[in-house]
Amino acid sequence: MRNPYDEQQTQILARITNNVVKLNDTLLELNQKIEEINEMNSDLVAFSNIWNHYQRNANLYLASTNSLEPVRAKK
């Protein structure tokens, strides 16, 4: 005797499997995009570090030569 719910359960499992495959593909694509963004951001981080070092060195030089003027608030 055949179970009347077998066909329905098989269809539901097929849909679940299909959705999991689609989700996996989407997550792989998302991971690739995040990796691309992280690579682009690494350049910005490097530039930011260089700029911060330059600014610190410039402030040290100006302070050592007594050329550093206090920052005044703009009106």
Protein backbone atom coordinates (compact mmCIF):
# COMPACT_ATOMS: atom_id res chain seq x y z
CA MET A 1 0.00 0.00 0.00
CA ARG A 2 1.25 3.41 -0.98
CA ASN A 3 1.52 6.33 1.43
CA PRO A 4 -0.64 9.20 0.08
CA TYR A 5 1.77 11.78 1.51
CA ASP A 6 4.90 10.42 -0.21
CA GLU A 7 4.41 12.45 -3.37
CA GLN A 8 3.65 15.63 -1.42
CA GLN A 9 6.68 15.13 0.83
CA THR A 10 8.89 14.46 -2.19
CA GLN A 11 7.73 17.71 -3.81
CA ILE A 12 8.31 19.68 -0.62
CA LEU A 13 11.82 18.21 -0.23
CA ALA A 14 12.57 19.04 -3.87
CA ARG A 15 11.51 22.66 -3.33
CA ILE A 16 13.57 22.90 -0.14
CA THR A 17 16.60 21.46 -1.93
CA ASN A 18 16.15 23.87 -4.83
CA ASN A 19 15.87 26.84 -2.47
CA VAL A 20 18.98 25.78 -0.56
CA VAL A 21 20.92 25.55 -3.84
CA LYS A 22 19.74 29.05 -4.82
CA LEU A 23 20.65 30.39 -1.38
CA ASN A 24 24.11 28.83 -1.61
CA ASP A 25 24.71 30.41 -5.03
CA THR A 26 23.57 33.80 -3.74
CA LEU A 27 25.82 33.57 -0.69
CA LEU A 28 28.80 32.66 -2.87
CA GLU A 29 28.13 35.73 -5.02
CA LEU A 30 27.77 37.89 -1.91
CA ASN A 31 31.09 36.61 -0.56
CA GLN A 32 32.81 37.46 -3.85
CA LYS A 33 31.42 41.01 -3.75
CA ILE A 34 32.51 41.44 -0.11
CA GLU A 35 36.02 40.27 -1.02
CA GLU A 36 36.14 42.85 -3.84
CA ILE A 37 35.01 45.59 -1.45
CA ASN A 38 37.61 44.53 1.12
CA GLU A 39 40.36 44.70 -1.52
CA MET A 40 39.29 48.22 -2.48
CA ASN A 41 39.11 49.26 1.17
CA SER A 42 42.63 47.98 1.83
CA ASP A 43 43.95 50.67 -0.51
CA LEU A 44 42.02 53.30 1.43
CA VAL A 45 43.35 51.99 4.73
CA ALA A 46 46.92 52.18 3.42
CA PHE A 47 46.38 55.74 2.19
CA SER A 48 44.81 56.71 5.50
CA ASN A 49 47.78 55.33 7.42
CA ILE A 50 50.24 57.19 5.21
CA TRP A 51 48.26 60.41 5.62
CA ASN A 52 48.11 60.05 9.41
CA HIS A 53 51.88 59.50 9.59
CA TYR A 54 52.48 62.51 7.36
CA GLN A 55 50.20 64.68 9.49
CA ARG A 56 51.86 63.55 12.72
CA ASN A 57 55.34 64.19 11.29
CA ALA A 58 54.32 67.60 9.97
CA ASN A 59 52.91 68.56 13.39
CA LEU A 60 56.10 67.37 15.12
CA TYR A 61 58.23 69.42 12.71
CA LEU A 62 56.08 72.53 13.11
CA ALA A 63 56.11 72.15 16.89
CA SER A 64 59.88 71.73 16.95
CA THR A 65 60.38 74.88 14.86
CA ASN A 66 57.81 76.84 16.88
CA SER A 67 55.84 77.37 13.67
CA LEU A 68 52.73 75.61 14.89
CA GLU A 69 49.79 77.97 15.23
CA PRO A 70 46.75 77.02 17.27
CA VAL A 71 43.69 76.14 15.25
CA ARG A 72 41.09 78.87 15.46
CA ALA A 73 37.39 78.22 15.23
CA LYS A 74 35.75 79.60 12.12
CA LYS A 75 32.98 82.10 12.64
